[in-house]
Amino acid sequence: MKLLQTNFLQRLNAKYRWGMMALILGCIAPCWLPAIIFSLWLLHLLGIPIGAPVKDHPNGVLWATVFSVLFVASTIIGYFFVTSHVLAWILRRRGWSAAQIRGLLLHSEIPPHWLIPK
């Protein structure tokens, strides 16, 4: 069954909804680590003291811009690439075919038993 993305979470059975949300958050959070480590290095490089407000520092806007871009980029990478690969790996281990996984990830073809009955 093919679902529109806006209708996806409302129709998903709670068991699968919570599992998908935990998987997504579990894949996004580790992707933030490189952005945080880089931002700490950048603080040191720009001479901004840790804990000081960056808006008061001459290089604060540069640091905030770089950190924001890296944080958003790492979130997107975690959501789209890491989550899809981990989900594909899990489903492959559970016996799904490559065509079924491709249908789920690329075409939103949700198995009927994952949905709440109407």
C-alpha atoms as a PDB file:
ATOM      1  CA  MET A   1       0.000   0.000   0.000  1.00  0.00           C
ATOM      2  CA  LYS A   2       1.422   3.357  -1.014  1.00  0.00           C
ATOM      3  CA  LEU A   3       0.917   6.213   1.447  1.00  0.00           C
ATOM      4  CA  LEU A   4       1.435   9.923   1.215  1.00  0.00           C
ATOM      5  CA  GLN A   5       4.202  11.122   3.510  1.00  0.00           C
ATOM      6  CA  THR A   6       1.849  13.395   5.489  1.00  0.00           C
ATOM      7  CA  ASN A   7      -0.379  10.441   6.325  1.00  0.00           C
ATOM      8  CA  PHE A   8       2.439   8.051   7.144  1.00  0.00           C
ATOM      9  CA  LEU A   9       2.819   8.354  10.918  1.00  0.00           C
ATOM     10  CA  GLN A  10      -0.889   8.690  11.694  1.00  0.00           C
ATOM     11  CA  ARG A  11      -1.708   5.416   9.947  1.00  0.00           C
ATOM     12  CA  LEU A  12       1.286   3.428  11.206  1.00  0.00           C
ATOM     13  CA  ASN A  13       0.662   0.882  13.963  1.00  0.00           C
ATOM     14  CA  ALA A  14       2.117   2.081  17.304  1.00  0.00           C
ATOM     15  CA  LYS A  15       4.601  -0.810  17.433  1.00  0.00           C
ATOM     16  CA  TYR A  16       6.155   0.225  14.116  1.00  0.00           C
ATOM     17  CA  ARG A  17       5.711   3.984  14.702  1.00  0.00           C
ATOM     18  CA  TRP A  18       7.748   3.913  17.928  1.00  0.00           C
ATOM     19  CA  GLY A  19      10.337   1.636  16.369  1.00  0.00           C
ATOM     20  CA  MET A  20      10.768   3.941  13.371  1.00  0.00           C
ATOM     21  CA  MET A  21      11.009   7.026  15.560  1.00  0.00           C
ATOM     22  CA  ALA A  22      13.612   5.376  17.814  1.00  0.00           C
ATOM     23  CA  LEU A  23      15.575   4.279  14.753  1.00  0.00           C
ATOM     24  CA  ILE A  24      15.510   7.790  13.276  1.00  0.00           C
ATOM     25  CA  LEU A  25      16.606   9.465  16.518  1.00  0.00           C
ATOM     26  CA  GLY A  26      19.201   6.766  17.135  1.00  0.00           C
ATOM     27  CA  CYS A  27      20.713   7.397  13.709  1.00  0.00           C
ATOM     28  CA  ILE A  28      20.603  11.200  13.840  1.00  0.00           C
ATOM     29  CA  ALA A  29      22.118  11.728  17.294  1.00  0.00           C
ATOM     30  CA  PRO A  30      25.538  10.126  16.580  1.00  0.00           C
ATOM     31  CA  CYS A  31      25.825  12.248  13.442  1.00  0.00           C
ATOM     32  CA  TRP A  32      25.833  15.370  15.643  1.00  0.00           C
ATOM     33  CA  LEU A  33      29.062  14.316  17.350  1.00  0.00           C
ATOM     34  CA  PRO A  34      31.426  15.428  14.520  1.00  0.00           C
ATOM     35  CA  ALA A  35      29.652  18.813  14.326  1.00  0.00           C
ATOM     36  CA  ILE A  36      30.024  19.312  18.079  1.00  0.00           C
ATOM     37  CA  ILE A  37      33.693  18.282  18.073  1.00  0.00           C
ATOM     38  CA  PHE A  38      34.408  20.571  15.116  1.00  0.00           C
ATOM     39  CA  SER A  39      32.587  23.474  16.772  1.00  0.00           C
ATOM     40  CA  LEU A  40      34.717  23.079  19.919  1.00  0.00           C
ATOM     41  CA  TRP A  41      37.872  23.070  17.778  1.00  0.00           C
ATOM     42  CA  LEU A  42      36.603  26.150  15.930  1.00  0.00           C
ATOM     43  CA  LEU A  43      35.955  27.920  19.246  1.00  0.00           C
ATOM     44  CA  HIS A  44      39.581  27.333  20.181  1.00  0.00           C
ATOM     45  CA  LEU A  45      40.845  28.380  16.735  1.00  0.00           C
ATOM     46  CA  LEU A  46      38.851  31.631  16.750  1.00  0.00           C
ATOM     47  CA  GLY A  47      39.850  32.424  20.344  1.00  0.00           C
ATOM     48  CA  ILE A  48      36.327  32.277  21.730  1.00  0.00           C
ATOM     49  CA  PRO A  49      36.305  31.139  25.385  1.00  0.00           C
ATOM     50  CA  ILE A  50      34.135  28.093  26.112  1.00  0.00           C
ATOM     51  CA  GLY A  51      30.961  29.203  27.844  1.00  0.00           C
ATOM     52  CA  ALA A  52      31.254  32.801  26.671  1.00  0.00           C
ATOM     53  CA  PRO A  53      28.429  34.247  24.568  1.00  0.00           C
ATOM     54  CA  VAL A  54      29.534  34.068  20.942  1.00  0.00           C
ATOM     55  CA  LYS A  55      27.439  37.111  20.030  1.00  0.00           C
ATOM     56  CA  ASP A  56      29.867  39.285  22.038  1.00  0.00           C
ATOM     57  CA  HIS A  57      32.934  37.992  20.201  1.00  0.00           C
ATOM     58  CA  PRO A  58      34.136  39.502  16.890  1.00  0.00           C
ATOM     59  CA  ASN A  59      34.176  36.023  15.256  1.00  0.00           C
ATOM     60  CA  GLY A  60      30.934  34.919  16.915  1.00  0.00           C
ATOM     61  CA  VAL A  61      28.788  35.277  13.794  1.00  0.00           C
ATOM     62  CA  LEU A  62      31.276  33.184  11.796  1.00  0.00           C
ATOM     63  CA  TRP A  63      31.283  30.469  14.460  1.00  0.00           C
ATOM     64  CA  ALA A  64      27.479  30.449  14.757  1.00  0.00           C
ATOM     65  CA  THR A  65      27.057  30.247  10.982  1.00  0.00           C
ATOM     66  CA  VAL A  66      29.548  27.403  10.553  1.00  0.00           C
ATOM     67  CA  PHE A  67      28.099  25.501  13.513  1.00  0.00           C
ATOM     68  CA  SER A  68      24.523  25.915  12.241  1.00  0.00           C
ATOM     69  CA  VAL A  69      25.405  24.711   8.748  1.00  0.00           C
ATOM     70  CA  LEU A  70      27.296  21.691  10.090  1.00  0.00           C
ATOM     71  CA  PHE A  71      24.536  20.834  12.556  1.00  0.00           C
ATOM     72  CA  VAL A  72      21.836  20.943   9.873  1.00  0.00           C
ATOM     73  CA  ALA A  73      24.007  19.014   7.398  1.00  0.00           C
ATOM     74  CA  SER A  74      24.765  16.288   9.937  1.00  0.00           C
ATOM     75  CA  THR A  75      21.063  16.011  10.796  1.00  0.00           C
ATOM     76  CA  ILE A  76      20.159  15.603   7.117  1.00  0.00           C
ATOM     77  CA  ILE A  77      22.911  13.020   6.608  1.00  0.00           C
ATOM     78  CA  GLY A  78      21.761  11.103   9.687  1.00  0.00           C
ATOM     79  CA  TYR A  79      18.122  11.176   8.656  1.00  0.00           C
ATOM     80  CA  PHE A  80      18.352  10.321   4.990  1.00  0.00           C
ATOM     81  CA  PHE A  81      21.491   8.265   4.588  1.00  0.00           C
ATOM     82  CA  VAL A  82      22.245   6.583   7.896  1.00  0.00           C
ATOM     83  CA  THR A  83      18.624   5.803   8.779  1.00  0.00           C
ATOM     84  CA  SER A  84      17.866   4.371   5.347  1.00  0.00           C
ATOM     85  CA  HIS A  85      20.975   2.173   5.378  1.00  0.00           C
ATOM     86  CA  VAL A  86      20.387   0.912   8.906  1.00  0.00           C
ATOM     87  CA  LEU A  87      16.704   0.234   8.169  1.00  0.00           C
ATOM     88  CA  ALA A  88      17.639  -1.577   4.946  1.00  0.00           C
ATOM     89  CA  TRP A  89      20.174  -3.676   6.848  1.00  0.00           C
ATOM     90  CA  ILE A  90      17.618  -4.561   9.549  1.00  0.00           C
ATOM     91  CA  LEU A  91      14.959  -5.489   6.999  1.00  0.00           C
ATOM     92  CA  ARG A  92      17.451  -7.537   4.958  1.00  0.00           C
ATOM     93  CA  ARG A  93      18.345  -9.491   8.111  1.00  0.00           C
ATOM     94  CA  ARG A  94      14.635 -10.132   8.652  1.00  0.00           C
ATOM     95  CA  GLY A  95      14.335 -11.724   5.214  1.00  0.00           C
ATOM     96  CA  TRP A  96      13.018  -8.867   3.074  1.00  0.00           C
ATOM     97  CA  SER A  97      13.976  -8.859  -0.590  1.00  0.00           C
ATOM     98  CA  ALA A  98      15.836  -5.955  -2.163  1.00  0.00           C
ATOM     99  CA  ALA A  99      12.691  -5.068  -4.153  1.00  0.00           C
ATOM    100  CA  GLN A 100      10.586  -4.871  -0.969  1.00  0.00           C
ATOM    101  CA  ILE A 101      13.166  -2.661   0.752  1.00  0.00           C
ATOM    102  CA  ARG A 102      13.437  -0.402  -2.298  1.00  0.00           C
ATOM    103  CA  GLY A 103       9.647  -0.144  -2.424  1.00  0.00           C
ATOM    104  CA  LEU A 104       9.464   0.855   1.230  1.00  0.00           C
ATOM    105  CA  LEU A 105      12.325   3.359   1.199  1.00  0.00           C
ATOM    106  CA  LEU A 106      11.861   4.917  -2.240  1.00  0.00           C
ATOM    107  CA  HIS A 107       8.155   4.530  -2.964  1.00  0.00           C
ATOM    108  CA  SER A 108       6.557   4.451   0.526  1.00  0.00           C
ATOM    109  CA  GLU A 109       5.042   1.029  -0.119  1.00  0.00           C
ATOM    110  CA  ILE A 110       4.110   0.152   3.459  1.00  0.00           C
ATOM    111  CA  PRO A 111       3.218  -3.473   4.242  1.00  0.00           C
ATOM    112  CA  PRO A 112      -0.500  -3.654   5.155  1.00  0.00           C
ATOM    113  CA  HIS A 113       0.193  -5.339   8.524  1.00  0.00           C
ATOM    114  CA  TRP A 114       2.170  -2.236   9.600  1.00  0.00           C
ATOM    115  CA  LEU A 115      -0.953  -0.064   9.345  1.00  0.00           C
ATOM    116  CA  ILE A 116      -3.818   0.551  11.720  1.00  0.00           C
ATOM    117  CA  PRO A 117      -6.978  -1.077  10.340  1.00  0.00           C
ATOM    118  CA  LYS A 118      -9.595   1.419   9.190  1.00  0.00           C
END
